[in-house]
Every structure is written in C-alpha cells, then in structure tokens.
Amino acid sequence: MSDKTKILVCVKCRAADEPKEPMENRMGSRLYREMAAAARDADDVEIVPVECLSVCKRPVTIGLSAGGKWTYLYGDFALGSAPEILEAARLYAGAEDGLIPWDQRPAALKLGVVARIPPI
C-alpha cells in the first residue's frame, strides 16, 4: 500500500452549461489533467481519476484519501485550483488522522466540504 496521499478527481464532473461530450472536455477531466501536470514531479501525492463521486451539483468534486486516515470529499473546484488542492493535500498528509484543523484549512476546503468518511 502506498503512503502517498491520493487526490481523487471526478473526471465526469461538468458545469451545467458544458456539453456532455466529448468527455475529455468536461471541467473534471480538464482539472484532472491540470492536477496531473502540477504534481508531475511530486513524490508525496498521487492524482487518481475517478468516474464519478456522485456530487453532480457541486462540480468539480475531489477527494483526499490515505491509509488509516479520514477520507474527505470537497466540491466546487474550478480550473486553476491545482495549487490550492496540492496545498490542502500536503496539510492532509501532515495530519496524523487526516483531520486538518479548521483554522489551517485553505478557504476552498472550508467552503467546499461535502463529506468525511472514517478510516476503515
């Protein structure tokens, strides 16, 4: 099992005014590519495309996950969010249980939280 923090990016997310096809032009797919490029040389995170996180009303949805930690889902990420998401992932990695103290969370995490899931 990898010690890396996984950043899950919903590649099916799309803005309400975006066409459904082609899938690779959806906002989620574009944010995934942006994240992959931003983390290309990072050895502490893994960018994982996921088909759907079922938070369609809050595109783009991402998740932060790692072994033995709480998993978080966050919504409402726009293109250009890669630096803020990477910052959040590193804060998450530094928290023993994945719980980032409220006052240390980037604004997008404070506003975008959808769910937290206990470690299994």
PDB file of N, CA and C in Angstrom:
ATOM      1  N   MET A   1       0.845  -1.190   0.000  1.00  0.00           N
ATOM      2  CA  MET A   1       0.000   0.000   0.000  1.00  0.00           C
ATOM      3  C   MET A   1       0.884   1.245   0.000  1.00  0.00           C
ATOM      4  N   SER A   2       0.523   2.229  -0.781  1.00  0.00           N
ATOM      5  CA  SER A   2       1.285   3.454  -0.912  1.00  0.00           C
ATOM      6  C   SER A   2       1.052   4.375   0.284  1.00  0.00           C
ATOM      7  N   ASP A   3       2.113   5.074   0.688  1.00  0.00           N
ATOM      8  CA  ASP A   3       1.984   6.074   1.748  1.00  0.00           C
ATOM      9  C   ASP A   3       1.557   7.428   1.194  1.00  0.00           C
ATOM     10  N   LYS A   4       1.444   7.518  -0.097  1.00  0.00           N
ATOM     11  CA  LYS A   4       1.078   8.781  -0.722  1.00  0.00           C
ATOM     12  C   LYS A   4      -0.369   9.152  -0.422  1.00  0.00           C
ATOM     13  N   THR A   5      -0.585  10.451  -0.334  1.00  0.00           N
ATOM     14  CA  THR A   5      -1.955  10.957  -0.266  1.00  0.00           C
ATOM     15  C   THR A   5      -2.528  10.882  -1.667  1.00  0.00           C
ATOM     16  N   LYS A   6      -3.709  10.328  -1.761  1.00  0.00           N
ATOM     17  CA  LYS A   6      -4.388  10.234  -3.046  1.00  0.00           C
ATOM     18  C   LYS A   6      -5.339  11.416  -3.195  1.00  0.00           C
ATOM     19  N   ILE A   7      -5.213  12.097  -4.316  1.00  0.00           N
ATOM     20  CA  ILE A   7      -6.143  13.165  -4.668  1.00  0.00           C
ATOM     21  C   ILE A   7      -7.044  12.591  -5.756  1.00  0.00           C
ATOM     22  N   LEU A   8      -8.291  12.350  -5.391  1.00  0.00           N
ATOM     23  CA  LEU A   8      -9.269  11.791  -6.318  1.00  0.00           C
ATOM     24  C   LEU A   8      -9.925  12.941  -7.060  1.00  0.00           C
ATOM     25  N   VAL A   9      -9.985  12.856  -8.372  1.00  0.00           N
ATOM     26  CA  VAL A   9     -10.603  13.915  -9.168  1.00  0.00           C
ATOM     27  C   VAL A   9     -11.689  13.292 -10.036  1.00  0.00           C
ATOM     28  N   CYS A  10     -12.905  13.777  -9.881  1.00  0.00           N
ATOM     29  CA  CYS A  10     -14.026  13.272 -10.680  1.00  0.00           C
ATOM     30  C   CYS A  10     -13.889  13.785 -12.102  1.00  0.00           C
ATOM     31  N   VAL A  11     -13.577  12.882 -13.028  1.00  0.00           N
ATOM     32  CA  VAL A  11     -13.373  13.286 -14.420  1.00  0.00           C
ATOM     33  C   VAL A  11     -14.689  13.447 -15.187  1.00  0.00           C
ATOM     34  N   LYS A  12     -15.795  13.026 -14.590  1.00  0.00           N
ATOM     35  CA  LYS A  12     -17.096  13.191 -15.246  1.00  0.00           C
ATOM     36  C   LYS A  12     -17.788  14.501 -14.863  1.00  0.00           C
ATOM     37  N   CYS A  13     -17.262  15.196 -13.858  1.00  0.00           N
ATOM     38  CA  CYS A  13     -17.874  16.462 -13.445  1.00  0.00           C
ATOM     39  C   CYS A  13     -17.887  17.442 -14.608  1.00  0.00           C
ATOM     40  N   ARG A  14     -19.002  18.153 -14.704  1.00  0.00           N
ATOM     41  CA  ARG A  14     -19.104  19.189 -15.732  1.00  0.00           C
ATOM     42  C   ARG A  14     -19.983  20.317 -15.216  1.00  0.00           C
ATOM     43  N   ALA A  15     -19.697  21.486 -15.676  1.00  0.00           N
ATOM     44  CA  ALA A  15     -20.538  22.631 -15.348  1.00  0.00           C
ATOM     45  C   ALA A  15     -21.877  22.464 -16.059  1.00  0.00           C
ATOM     46  N   ALA A  16     -22.915  23.079 -15.520  1.00  0.00           N
ATOM     47  CA  ALA A  16     -24.275  22.934 -16.069  1.00  0.00           C
ATOM     48  C   ALA A  16     -24.343  23.346 -17.538  1.00  0.00           C
ATOM     49  N   ASP A  17     -23.539  24.316 -17.944  1.00  0.00           N
ATOM     50  CA  ASP A  17     -23.600  24.798 -19.323  1.00  0.00           C
ATOM     51  C   ASP A  17     -22.644  24.075 -20.268  1.00  0.00           C
ATOM     52  N   GLU A  18     -21.920  23.074 -19.772  1.00  0.00           N
ATOM     53  CA  GLU A  18     -20.996  22.322 -20.623  1.00  0.00           C
ATOM     54  C   GLU A  18     -21.711  21.174 -21.332  1.00  0.00           C
ATOM     55  N   PRO A  19     -21.323  20.891 -22.575  1.00  0.00           N
ATOM     56  CA  PRO A  19     -21.896  19.718 -23.241  1.00  0.00           C
ATOM     57  C   PRO A  19     -21.391  18.434 -22.587  1.00  0.00           C
ATOM     58  N   LYS A  20     -22.165  17.367 -22.716  1.00  0.00           N
ATOM     59  CA  LYS A  20     -21.785  16.084 -22.124  1.00  0.00           C
ATOM     60  C   LYS A  20     -20.615  15.441 -22.862  1.00  0.00           C
ATOM     61  N   GLU A  21     -20.519  15.682 -24.138  1.00  0.00           N
ATOM     62  CA  GLU A  21     -19.458  15.075 -24.950  1.00  0.00           C
ATOM     63  C   GLU A  21     -18.691  16.160 -25.686  1.00  0.00           C
ATOM     64  N   PRO A  22     -17.436  15.968 -25.943  1.00  0.00           N
ATOM     65  CA  PRO A  22     -16.629  14.818 -25.552  1.00  0.00           C
ATOM     66  C   PRO A  22     -16.256  14.888 -24.070  1.00  0.00           C
ATOM     67  N   MET A  23     -16.198  13.733 -23.447  1.00  0.00           N
ATOM     68  CA  MET A  23     -15.936  13.625 -22.006  1.00  0.00           C
ATOM     69  C   MET A  23     -14.632  14.323 -21.609  1.00  0.00           C
ATOM     70  N   GLU A  24     -13.618  14.220 -22.449  1.00  0.00           N
ATOM     71  CA  GLU A  24     -12.315  14.793 -22.089  1.00  0.00           C
ATOM     72  C   GLU A  24     -12.325  16.317 -22.055  1.00  0.00           C
ATOM     73  N   ASN A  25     -13.394  16.935 -22.541  1.00  0.00           N
ATOM     74  CA  ASN A  25     -13.504  18.395 -22.470  1.00  0.00           C
ATOM     75  C   ASN A  25     -14.272  18.869 -21.247  1.00  0.00           C
ATOM     76  N   ARG A  26     -14.821  17.932 -20.476  1.00  0.00           N
ATOM     77  CA  ARG A  26     -15.540  18.320 -19.260  1.00  0.00           C
ATOM     78  C   ARG A  26     -14.574  18.952 -18.258  1.00  0.00           C
ATOM     79  N   MET A  27     -15.121  19.810 -17.432  1.00  0.00           N
ATOM     80  CA  MET A  27     -14.320  20.509 -16.434  1.00  0.00           C
ATOM     81  C   MET A  27     -13.533  19.542 -15.541  1.00  0.00           C
ATOM     82  N   GLY A  28     -14.135  18.435 -15.138  1.00  0.00           N
ATOM     83  CA  GLY A  28     -13.457  17.467 -14.284  1.00  0.00           C
ATOM     84  C   GLY A  28     -12.249  16.852 -14.959  1.00  0.00           C
ATOM     85  N   SER A  29     -12.386  16.490 -16.225  1.00  0.00           N
ATOM     86  CA  SER A  29     -11.254  15.931 -16.970  1.00  0.00           C
ATOM     87  C   SER A  29     -10.144  16.955 -17.130  1.00  0.00           C
ATOM     88  N   ARG A  30     -10.535  18.190 -17.371  1.00  0.00           N
ATOM     89  CA  ARG A  30      -9.516  19.239 -17.525  1.00  0.00           C
ATOM     90  C   ARG A  30      -8.807  19.517 -16.195  1.00  0.00           C
ATOM     91  N   LEU A  31      -9.563  19.518 -15.080  1.00  0.00           N
ATOM     92  CA  LEU A  31      -8.914  19.712 -13.778  1.00  0.00           C
ATOM     93  C   LEU A  31      -8.004  18.529 -13.456  1.00  0.00           C
ATOM     94  N   TYR A  32      -8.423  17.326 -13.807  1.00  0.00           N
ATOM     95  CA  TYR A  32      -7.558  16.158 -13.606  1.00  0.00           C
ATOM     96  C   TYR A  32      -6.232  16.344 -14.346  1.00  0.00           C
ATOM     97  N   ARG A  33      -6.289  16.759 -15.599  1.00  0.00           N
ATOM     98  CA  ARG A  33      -5.042  16.969 -16.368  1.00  0.00           C
ATOM     99  C   ARG A  33      -4.192  18.075 -15.743  1.00  0.00           C
ATOM    100  N   GLU A  34      -4.855  19.130 -15.276  1.00  0.00           N
ATOM    101  CA  GLU A  34      -4.149  20.222 -14.592  1.00  0.00           C
ATOM    102  C   GLU A  34      -3.455  19.706 -13.329  1.00  0.00           C
ATOM    103  N   MET A  35      -4.172  18.887 -12.559  1.00  0.00           N
ATOM    104  CA  MET A  35      -3.609  18.320 -11.325  1.00  0.00           C
ATOM    105  C   MET A  35      -2.427  17.399 -11.638  1.00  0.00           C
ATOM    106  N   ALA A  36      -2.597  16.545 -12.650  1.00  0.00           N
ATOM    107  CA  ALA A  36      -1.527  15.613 -13.021  1.00  0.00           C
ATOM    108  C   ALA A  36      -0.274  16.374 -13.434  1.00  0.00           C
ATOM    109  N   ALA A  37      -0.437  17.448 -14.179  1.00  0.00           N
ATOM    110  CA  ALA A  37       0.714  18.252 -14.592  1.00  0.00           C
ATOM    111  C   ALA A  37       1.358  18.949 -13.394  1.00  0.00           C
ATOM    112  N   ALA A  38       0.540  19.484 -12.504  1.00  0.00           N
ATOM    113  CA  ALA A  38       1.070  20.202 -11.329  1.00  0.00           C
ATOM    114  C   ALA A  38       1.808  19.264 -10.382  1.00  0.00           C
ATOM    115  N   ALA A  39       1.402  18.004 -10.347  1.00  0.00           N
ATOM    116  CA  ALA A  39       2.004  17.040  -9.412  1.00  0.00           C
ATOM    117  C   ALA A  39       2.983  16.097 -10.110  1.00  0.00           C
ATOM    118  N   ARG A  40       3.331  16.389 -11.339  1.00  0.00           N
ATOM    119  CA  ARG A  40       4.185  15.503 -12.137  1.00  0.00           C
ATOM    120  C   ARG A  40       5.456  15.074 -11.397  1.00  0.00           C
ATOM    121  N   ASP A  41       6.110  15.989 -10.713  1.00  0.00           N
ATOM    122  CA  ASP A  41       7.357  15.673 -10.025  1.00  0.00           C
ATOM    123  C   ASP A  41       7.179  15.441  -8.527  1.00  0.00           C
ATOM    124  N   ALA A  42       5.960  15.438  -8.062  1.00  0.00           N
ATOM    125  CA  ALA A  42       5.692  15.246  -6.630  1.00  0.00           C
ATOM    126  C   ALA A  42       5.795  13.769  -6.282  1.00  0.00           C
ATOM    127  N   ASP A  43       6.463  13.482  -5.180  1.00  0.00           N
ATOM    128  CA  ASP A  43       6.561  12.086  -4.749  1.00  0.00           C
ATOM    129  C   ASP A  43       5.692  11.811  -3.528  1.00  0.00           C
ATOM    130  N   ASP A  44       4.905  12.800  -3.118  1.00  0.00           N
ATOM    131  CA  ASP A  44       4.091  12.648  -1.914  1.00  0.00           C
ATOM    132  C   ASP A  44       2.596  12.545  -2.192  1.00  0.00           C
ATOM    133  N   VAL A  45       2.188  12.761  -3.452  1.00  0.00           N
ATOM    134  CA  VAL A  45       0.777  12.664  -3.806  1.00  0.00           C
ATOM    135  C   VAL A  45       0.611  11.827  -5.067  1.00  0.00           C
ATOM    136  N   GLU A  46      -0.572  11.260  -5.196  1.00  0.00           N
ATOM    137  CA  GLU A  46      -0.945  10.511  -6.397  1.00  0.00           C
ATOM    138  C   GLU A  46      -2.279  11.068  -6.866  1.00  0.00           C
ATOM    139  N   ILE A  47      -2.332  11.481  -8.121  1.00  0.00           N
ATOM    140  CA  ILE A  47      -3.562  12.021  -8.687  1.00  0.00           C
ATOM    141  C   ILE A  47      -4.317  10.860  -9.324  1.00  0.00           C
ATOM    142  N   VAL A  48      -5.560  10.639  -8.871  1.00  0.00           N
ATOM    143  CA  VAL A  48      -6.330   9.475  -9.296  1.00  0.00           C
ATOM    144  C   VAL A  48      -7.624   9.934  -9.981  1.00  0.00           C
ATOM    145  N   PRO A  49      -7.781   9.602 -11.271  1.00  0.00           N
ATOM    146  CA  PRO A  49      -9.048   9.933 -11.926  1.00  0.00           C
ATOM    147  C   PRO A  49     -10.120   8.950 -11.466  1.00  0.00           C
ATOM    148  N   VAL A  50     -11.301   9.461 -11.162  1.00  0.00           N
ATOM    149  CA  VAL A  50     -12.418   8.586 -10.791  1.00  0.00           C
ATOM    150  C   VAL A  50     -13.596   8.924 -11.701  1.00  0.00           C
ATOM    151  N   GLU A  51     -14.409   7.918 -11.971  1.00  0.00           N
ATOM    152  CA  GLU A  51     -15.523   8.062 -12.905  1.00  0.00           C
ATOM    153  C   GLU A  51     -16.635   8.948 -12.361  1.00  0.00           C
ATOM    154  N   CYS A  52     -16.912   8.857 -11.075  1.00  0.00           N
ATOM    155  CA  CYS A  52     -17.985   9.677 -10.521  1.00  0.00           C
ATOM    156  C   CYS A  52     -17.934   9.609  -9.005  1.00  0.00           C
ATOM    157  N   LEU A  53     -18.076  10.741  -8.355  1.00  0.00           N
ATOM    158  CA  LEU A  53     -18.155  10.796  -6.895  1.00  0.00           C
ATOM    159  C   LEU A  53     -19.586  11.117  -6.443  1.00  0.00           C
ATOM    160  N   SER A  54     -20.513  11.166  -7.371  1.00  0.00           N
ATOM    161  CA  SER A  54     -21.944  11.386  -7.098  1.00  0.00           C
ATOM    162  C   SER A  54     -22.243  12.684  -6.353  1.00  0.00           C
ATOM    163  N   VAL A  55     -21.523  13.726  -6.698  1.00  0.00           N
ATOM    164  CA  VAL A  55     -21.775  15.050  -6.143  1.00  0.00           C
ATOM    165  C   VAL A  55     -21.974  16.007  -7.330  1.00  0.00           C
ATOM    166  N   CYS A  56     -22.838  15.607  -8.235  1.00  0.00           N
ATOM    167  CA  CYS A  56     -23.003  16.273  -9.523  1.00  0.00           C
ATOM    168  C   CYS A  56     -23.411  17.743  -9.420  1.00  0.00           C
ATOM    169  N   LYS A  57     -24.031  18.125  -8.340  1.00  0.00           N
ATOM    170  CA  LYS A  57     -24.469  19.514  -8.172  1.00  0.00           C
ATOM    171  C   LYS A  57     -23.327  20.440  -7.755  1.00  0.00           C
ATOM    172  N   ARG A  58     -22.116  19.863  -7.485  1.00  0.00           N
ATOM    173  CA  ARG A  58     -21.005  20.686  -6.991  1.00  0.00           C
ATOM    174  C   ARG A  58     -19.701  20.387  -7.733  1.00  0.00           C
ATOM    175  N   PRO A  59     -19.723  20.539  -9.064  1.00  0.00           N
ATOM    176  CA  PRO A  59     -18.511  20.253  -9.824  1.00  0.00           C
ATOM    177  C   PRO A  59     -17.457  21.331  -9.613  1.00  0.00           C
ATOM    178  N   VAL A  60     -16.258  21.008  -9.677  1.00  0.00           N
ATOM    179  CA  VAL A  60     -15.649  19.695  -9.768  1.00  0.00           C
ATOM    180  C   VAL A  60     -15.441  19.171  -8.352  1.00  0.00           C
ATOM    181  N   THR A  61     -15.718  17.889  -8.154  1.00  0.00           N
ATOM    182  CA  THR A  61     -15.563  17.257  -6.849  1.00  0.00           C
ATOM    183  C   THR A  61     -14.232  16.524  -6.803  1.00  0.00           C
ATOM    184  N   ILE A  62     -13.547  16.677  -5.653  1.00  0.00           N
ATOM    185  CA  ILE A  62     -12.296  15.960  -5.424  1.00  0.00           C
ATOM    186  C   ILE A  62     -12.391  15.237  -4.087  1.00  0.00           C
ATOM    187  N   GLY A  63     -11.479  14.339  -3.865  1.00  0.00           N
ATOM    188  CA  GLY A  63     -11.370  13.661  -2.576  1.00  0.00           C
ATOM    189  C   GLY A  63      -9.925  13.608  -2.142  1.00  0.00           C
ATOM    190  N   LEU A  64      -9.710  13.539  -0.843  1.00  0.00           N
ATOM    191  CA  LEU A  64      -8.384  13.316  -0.259  1.00  0.00           C
ATOM    192  C   LEU A  64      -8.469  12.037   0.547  1.00  0.00           C
ATOM    193  N   SER A  65      -7.529  11.133   0.302  1.00  0.00           N
ATOM    194  CA  SER A  65      -7.583   9.834   0.949  1.00  0.00           C
ATOM    195  C   SER A  65      -6.179   9.291   1.175  1.00  0.00           C
ATOM    196  N   ALA A  66      -6.021   8.551   2.266  1.00  0.00           N
ATOM    197  CA  ALA A  66      -4.771   7.853   2.565  1.00  0.00           C
ATOM    198  C   ALA A  66      -5.080   6.762   3.580  1.00  0.00           C
ATOM    199  N   GLY A  67      -4.257   5.738   3.596  1.00  0.00           N
ATOM    200  CA  GLY A  67      -4.465   4.619   4.511  1.00  0.00           C
ATOM    201  C   GLY A  67      -4.514   5.065   5.962  1.00  0.00           C
ATOM    202  N   GLY A  68      -5.516   4.584   6.701  1.00  0.00           N
ATOM    203  CA  GLY A  68      -5.644   4.880   8.120  1.00  0.00           C
ATOM    204  C   GLY A  68      -6.138   6.274   8.450  1.00  0.00           C
ATOM    205  N   LYS A  69      -6.536   7.045   7.430  1.00  0.00           N
ATOM    206  CA  LYS A  69      -6.998   8.417   7.659  1.00  0.00           C
ATOM    207  C   LYS A  69      -8.447   8.569   7.223  1.00  0.00           C
ATOM    208  N   TRP A  70      -9.076   9.618   7.742  1.00  0.00           N
ATOM    209  CA  TRP A  70     -10.399  10.003   7.266  1.00  0.00           C
ATOM    210  C   TRP A  70     -10.270  10.366   5.786  1.00  0.00           C
ATOM    211  N   THR A  71     -11.270  10.036   4.993  1.00  0.00           N
ATOM    212  CA  THR A  71     -11.350  10.461   3.599  1.00  0.00           C
ATOM    213  C   THR A  71     -12.300  11.640   3.540  1.00  0.00           C
ATOM    214  N   TYR A  72     -11.919  12.655   2.796  1.00  0.00           N
ATOM    215  CA  TYR A  72     -12.748  13.844   2.634  1.00  0.00           C
ATOM    216  C   TYR A  72     -13.173  13.996   1.187  1.00  0.00           C
ATOM    217  N   LEU A  73     -14.391  14.469   0.973  1.00  0.00           N
ATOM    218  CA  LEU A  73     -14.874  14.881  -0.336  1.00  0.00           C
ATOM    219  C   LEU A  73     -15.145  16.374  -0.282  1.00  0.00           C
ATOM    220  N   TYR A  74     -14.697  17.067  -1.329  1.00  0.00           N
ATOM    221  CA  TYR A  74     -14.894  18.507  -1.439  1.00  0.00           C
ATOM    222  C   TYR A  74     -15.432  18.822  -2.824  1.00  0.00           C
ATOM    223  N   GLY A  75     -16.319  19.790  -2.910  1.00  0.00           N
ATOM    224  CA  GLY A  75     -16.877  20.198  -4.186  1.00  0.00           C
ATOM    225  C   GLY A  75     -16.557  21.635  -4.517  1.00  0.00           C
ATOM    226  N   ASP A  76     -16.947  22.028  -5.720  1.00  0.00           N
ATOM    227  CA  ASP A  76     -16.877  23.414  -6.196  1.00  0.00           C
ATOM    228  C   ASP A  76     -15.475  23.879  -6.580  1.00  0.00           C
ATOM    229  N   PHE A  77     -14.653  22.981  -7.122  1.00  0.00           N
ATOM    230  CA  PHE A  77     -13.320  23.391  -7.558  1.00  0.00           C
ATOM    231  C   PHE A  77     -13.340  23.805  -9.024  1.00  0.00           C
ATOM    232  N   ALA A  78     -12.776  24.958  -9.291  1.00  0.00           N
ATOM    233  CA  ALA A  78     -12.688  25.490 -10.648  1.00  0.00           C
ATOM    234  C   ALA A  78     -11.343  25.130 -11.263  1.00  0.00           C
ATOM    235  N   LEU A  79     -11.253  25.300 -12.561  1.00  0.00           N
ATOM    236  CA  LEU A  79      -9.959  25.175 -13.210  1.00  0.00           C
ATOM    237  C   LEU A  79      -9.037  26.226 -12.596  1.00  0.00           C
ATOM    238  N   GLY A  80      -7.781  25.900 -12.473  1.00  0.00           N
ATOM    239  CA  GLY A  80      -6.831  26.802 -11.825  1.00  0.00           C
ATOM    240  C   GLY A  80      -6.671  26.524 -10.346  1.00  0.00           C
ATOM    241  N   SER A  81      -7.378  25.516  -9.821  1.00  0.00           N
ATOM    242  CA  SER A  81      -7.346  25.194  -8.391  1.00  0.00           C
ATOM    243  C   SER A  81      -6.205  24.263  -7.979  1.00  0.00           C
ATOM    244  N   ALA A  82      -5.408  23.803  -8.924  1.00  0.00           N
ATOM    245  CA  ALA A  82      -4.371  22.811  -8.605  1.00  0.00           C
ATOM    246  C   ALA A  82      -3.446  23.231  -7.454  1.00  0.00           C
ATOM    247  N   PRO A  83      -2.927  24.459  -7.426  1.00  0.00           N
ATOM    248  CA  PRO A  83      -2.035  24.822  -6.316  1.00  0.00           C
ATOM    249  C   PRO A  83      -2.716  24.726  -4.949  1.00  0.00           C
ATOM    250  N   GLU A  84      -3.958  25.182  -4.858  1.00  0.00           N
ATOM    251  CA  GLU A  84      -4.686  25.135  -3.593  1.00  0.00           C
ATOM    252  C   GLU A  84      -4.993  23.683  -3.188  1.00  0.00           C
ATOM    253  N   ILE A  85      -5.334  22.844  -4.162  1.00  0.00           N
ATOM    254  CA  ILE A  85      -5.612  21.437  -3.863  1.00  0.00           C
ATOM    255  C   ILE A  85      -4.337  20.735  -3.398  1.00  0.00           C
ATOM    256  N   LEU A  86      -3.215  21.010  -4.045  1.00  0.00           N
ATOM    257  CA  LEU A  86      -1.941  20.404  -3.614  1.00  0.00           C
ATOM    258  C   LEU A  86      -1.561  20.863  -2.213  1.00  0.00           C
ATOM    259  N   GLU A  87      -1.774  22.142  -1.916  1.00  0.00           N
ATOM    260  CA  GLU A  87      -1.507  22.651  -0.568  1.00  0.00           C
ATOM    261  C   GLU A  87      -2.365  21.900   0.454  1.00  0.00           C
ATOM    262  N   ALA A  88      -3.637  21.727   0.137  1.00  0.00           N
ATOM    263  CA  ALA A  88      -4.546  21.013   1.035  1.00  0.00           C
ATOM    264  C   ALA A  88      -4.108  19.564   1.219  1.00  0.00           C
ATOM    265  N   ALA A  89      -3.682  18.924   0.139  1.00  0.00           N
ATOM    266  CA  ALA A  89      -3.234  17.529   0.226  1.00  0.00           C
ATOM    267  C   ALA A  89      -2.017  17.395   1.127  1.00  0.00           C
ATOM    268  N   ARG A  90      -1.155  18.368   1.114  1.00  0.00           N
ATOM    269  CA  ARG A  90       0.043  18.312   1.965  1.00  0.00           C
ATOM    270  C   ARG A  90      -0.314  18.564   3.423  1.00  0.00           C
ATOM    271  N   LEU A  91      -1.273  19.417   3.669  1.00  0.00           N
ATOM    272  CA  LEU A  91      -1.770  19.607   5.040  1.00  0.00           C
ATOM    273  C   LEU A  91      -2.422  18.313   5.529  1.00  0.00           C
ATOM    274  N   TYR A  92      -3.193  17.697   4.665  1.00  0.00           N
ATOM    275  CA  TYR A  92      -3.854  16.425   4.969  1.00  0.00           C
ATOM    276  C   TYR A  92      -2.805  15.365   5.294  1.00  0.00           C
ATOM    277  N   ALA A  93      -1.763  15.284   4.482  1.00  0.00           N
ATOM    278  CA  ALA A  93      -0.698  14.294   4.704  1.00  0.00           C
ATOM    279  C   ALA A  93      -0.020  14.511   6.048  1.00  0.00           C
ATOM    280  N   GLY A  94       0.106  15.763   6.453  1.00  0.00           N
ATOM    281  CA  GLY A  94       0.770  16.078   7.707  1.00  0.00           C
ATOM    282  C   GLY A  94      -0.082  15.849   8.945  1.00  0.00           C
ATOM    283  N   ALA A  95      -1.369  15.636   8.749  1.00  0.00           N
ATOM    284  CA  ALA A  95      -2.276  15.389   9.876  1.00  0.00           C
ATOM    285  C   ALA A  95      -2.353  13.879  10.106  1.00  0.00           C
ATOM    286  N   GLU A  96      -2.034  13.439  11.289  1.00  0.00           N
ATOM    287  CA  GLU A  96      -1.959  12.007  11.586  1.00  0.00           C
ATOM    288  C   GLU A  96      -3.213  11.247  11.181  1.00  0.00           C
ATOM    289  N   ASP A  97      -4.373  11.838  11.414  1.00  0.00           N
ATOM    290  CA  ASP A  97      -5.642  11.173  11.105  1.00  0.00           C
ATOM    291  C   ASP A  97      -6.337  11.761   9.871  1.00  0.00           C
ATOM    292  N   GLY A  98      -5.683  12.733   9.231  1.00  0.00           N
ATOM    293  CA  GLY A  98      -6.269  13.379   8.064  1.00  0.00           C
ATOM    294  C   GLY A  98      -7.166  14.556   8.389  1.00  0.00           C
ATOM    295  N   LEU A  99      -7.361  14.836   9.665  1.00  0.00           N
ATOM    296  CA  LEU A  99      -8.223  15.941  10.078  1.00  0.00           C
ATOM    297  C   LEU A  99      -7.393  17.222  10.157  1.00  0.00           C
ATOM    298  N   ILE A 100      -7.579  18.093   9.190  1.00  0.00           N
ATOM    299  CA  ILE A 100      -6.858  19.367   9.149  1.00  0.00           C
ATOM    300  C   ILE A 100      -7.584  20.342  10.066  1.00  0.00           C
ATOM    301  N   PRO A 101      -6.886  20.949  11.030  1.00  0.00           N
ATOM    302  CA  PRO A 101      -7.550  21.932  11.890  1.00  0.00           C
ATOM    303  C   PRO A 101      -8.226  23.026  11.060  1.00  0.00           C
ATOM    304  N   TRP A 102      -9.423  23.404  11.476  1.00  0.00           N
ATOM    305  CA  TRP A 102     -10.242  24.354  10.725  1.00  0.00           C
ATOM    306  C   TRP A 102      -9.482  25.619  10.359  1.00  0.00           C
ATOM    307  N   ASP A 103      -8.751  26.187  11.296  1.00  0.00           N
ATOM    308  CA  ASP A 103      -8.073  27.457  11.036  1.00  0.00           C
ATOM    309  C   ASP A 103      -6.874  27.314  10.091  1.00  0.00           C
ATOM    310  N   GLN A 104      -6.465  26.089   9.785  1.00  0.00           N
ATOM    311  CA  GLN A 104      -5.352  25.872   8.858  1.00  0.00           C
ATOM    312  C   GLN A 104      -5.840  25.498   7.452  1.00  0.00           C
ATOM    313  N   ARG A 105      -7.119  25.248   7.307  1.00  0.00           N
ATOM    314  CA  ARG A 105      -7.651  24.813   6.016  1.00  0.00           C
ATOM    315  C   ARG A 105      -7.682  25.969   5.021  1.00  0.00           C
ATOM    316  N   PRO A 106      -7.300  25.702   3.776  1.00  0.00           N
ATOM    317  CA  PRO A 106      -7.495  26.710   2.724  1.00  0.00           C
ATOM    318  C   PRO A 106      -8.988  27.021   2.604  1.00  0.00           C
ATOM    319  N   ALA A 107      -9.308  28.220   2.170  1.00  0.00           N
ATOM    320  CA  ALA A 107     -10.705  28.664   2.083  1.00  0.00           C
ATOM    321  C   ALA A 107     -11.577  27.697   1.288  1.00  0.00           C
ATOM    322  N   ALA A 108     -11.066  27.162   0.185  1.00  0.00           N
ATOM    323  CA  ALA A 108     -11.869  26.255  -0.644  1.00  0.00           C
ATOM    324  C   ALA A 108     -12.277  25.002   0.118  1.00  0.00           C
ATOM    325  N   LEU A 109     -11.468  24.570   1.064  1.00  0.00           N
ATOM    326  CA  LEU A 109     -11.822  23.394   1.853  1.00  0.00           C
ATOM    327  C   LEU A 109     -12.869  23.737   2.902  1.00  0.00           C
ATOM    328  N   LYS A 110     -12.799  24.927   3.439  1.00  0.00           N
ATOM    329  CA  LYS A 110     -13.807  25.338   4.414  1.00  0.00           C
ATOM    330  C   LYS A 110     -15.180  25.448   3.762  1.00  0.00           C
ATOM    331  N   LEU A 111     -15.211  25.955   2.541  1.00  0.00           N
ATOM    332  CA  LEU A 111     -16.477  26.177   1.849  1.00  0.00           C
ATOM    333  C   LEU A 111     -16.968  24.955   1.081  1.00  0.00           C
ATOM    334  N   GLY A 112     -16.050  24.088   0.666  1.00  0.00           N
ATOM    335  CA  GLY A 112     -16.410  23.030  -0.254  1.00  0.00           C
ATOM    336  C   GLY A 112     -16.639  21.657   0.339  1.00  0.00           C
ATOM    337  N   VAL A 113     -16.559  21.517   1.673  1.00  0.00           N
ATOM    338  CA  VAL A 113     -16.670  20.174   2.251  1.00  0.00           C
ATOM    339  C   VAL A 113     -18.039  19.568   1.961  1.00  0.00           C
ATOM    340  N   VAL A 114     -18.003  18.341   1.480  1.00  0.00           N
ATOM    341  CA  VAL A 114     -19.217  17.580   1.171  1.00  0.00           C
ATOM    342  C   VAL A 114     -19.408  16.478   2.196  1.00  0.00           C
ATOM    343  N   ALA A 115     -18.337  15.751   2.489  1.00  0.00           N
ATOM    344  CA  ALA A 115     -18.438  14.622   3.408  1.00  0.00           C
ATOM    345  C   ALA A 115     -17.065  14.237   3.927  1.00  0.00           C
ATOM    346  N   ARG A 116     -17.076  13.588   5.095  1.00  0.00           N
ATOM    347  CA  ARG A 116     -15.867  12.943   5.576  1.00  0.00           C
ATOM    348  C   ARG A 116     -16.258  11.520   5.974  1.00  0.00           C
ATOM    349  N   ILE A 117     -15.387  10.603   5.626  1.00  0.00           N
ATOM    350  CA  ILE A 117     -15.665   9.186   5.799  1.00  0.00           C
ATOM    351  C   ILE A 117     -14.594   8.606   6.719  1.00  0.00           C
ATOM    352  N   PRO A 118     -14.977   7.891   7.767  1.00  0.00           N
ATOM    353  CA  PRO A 118     -13.978   7.394   8.726  1.00  0.00           C
ATOM    354  C   PRO A 118     -13.058   6.358   8.095  1.00  0.00           C
ATOM    355  N   PRO A 119     -11.857   6.253   8.663  1.00  0.00           N
ATOM    356  CA  PRO A 119     -10.935   5.225   8.167  1.00  0.00           C
ATOM    357  C   PRO A 119     -11.540   3.840   8.346  1.00  0.00           C
ATOM    358  N   ILE A 120     -11.197   2.956   7.461  1.00  0.00           N
ATOM    359  CA  ILE A 120     -11.698   1.587   7.544  1.00  0.00           C
ATOM    360  C   ILE A 120     -10.611   0.698   8.116  1.00  0.00           C
TER     361      ILE A 120
END
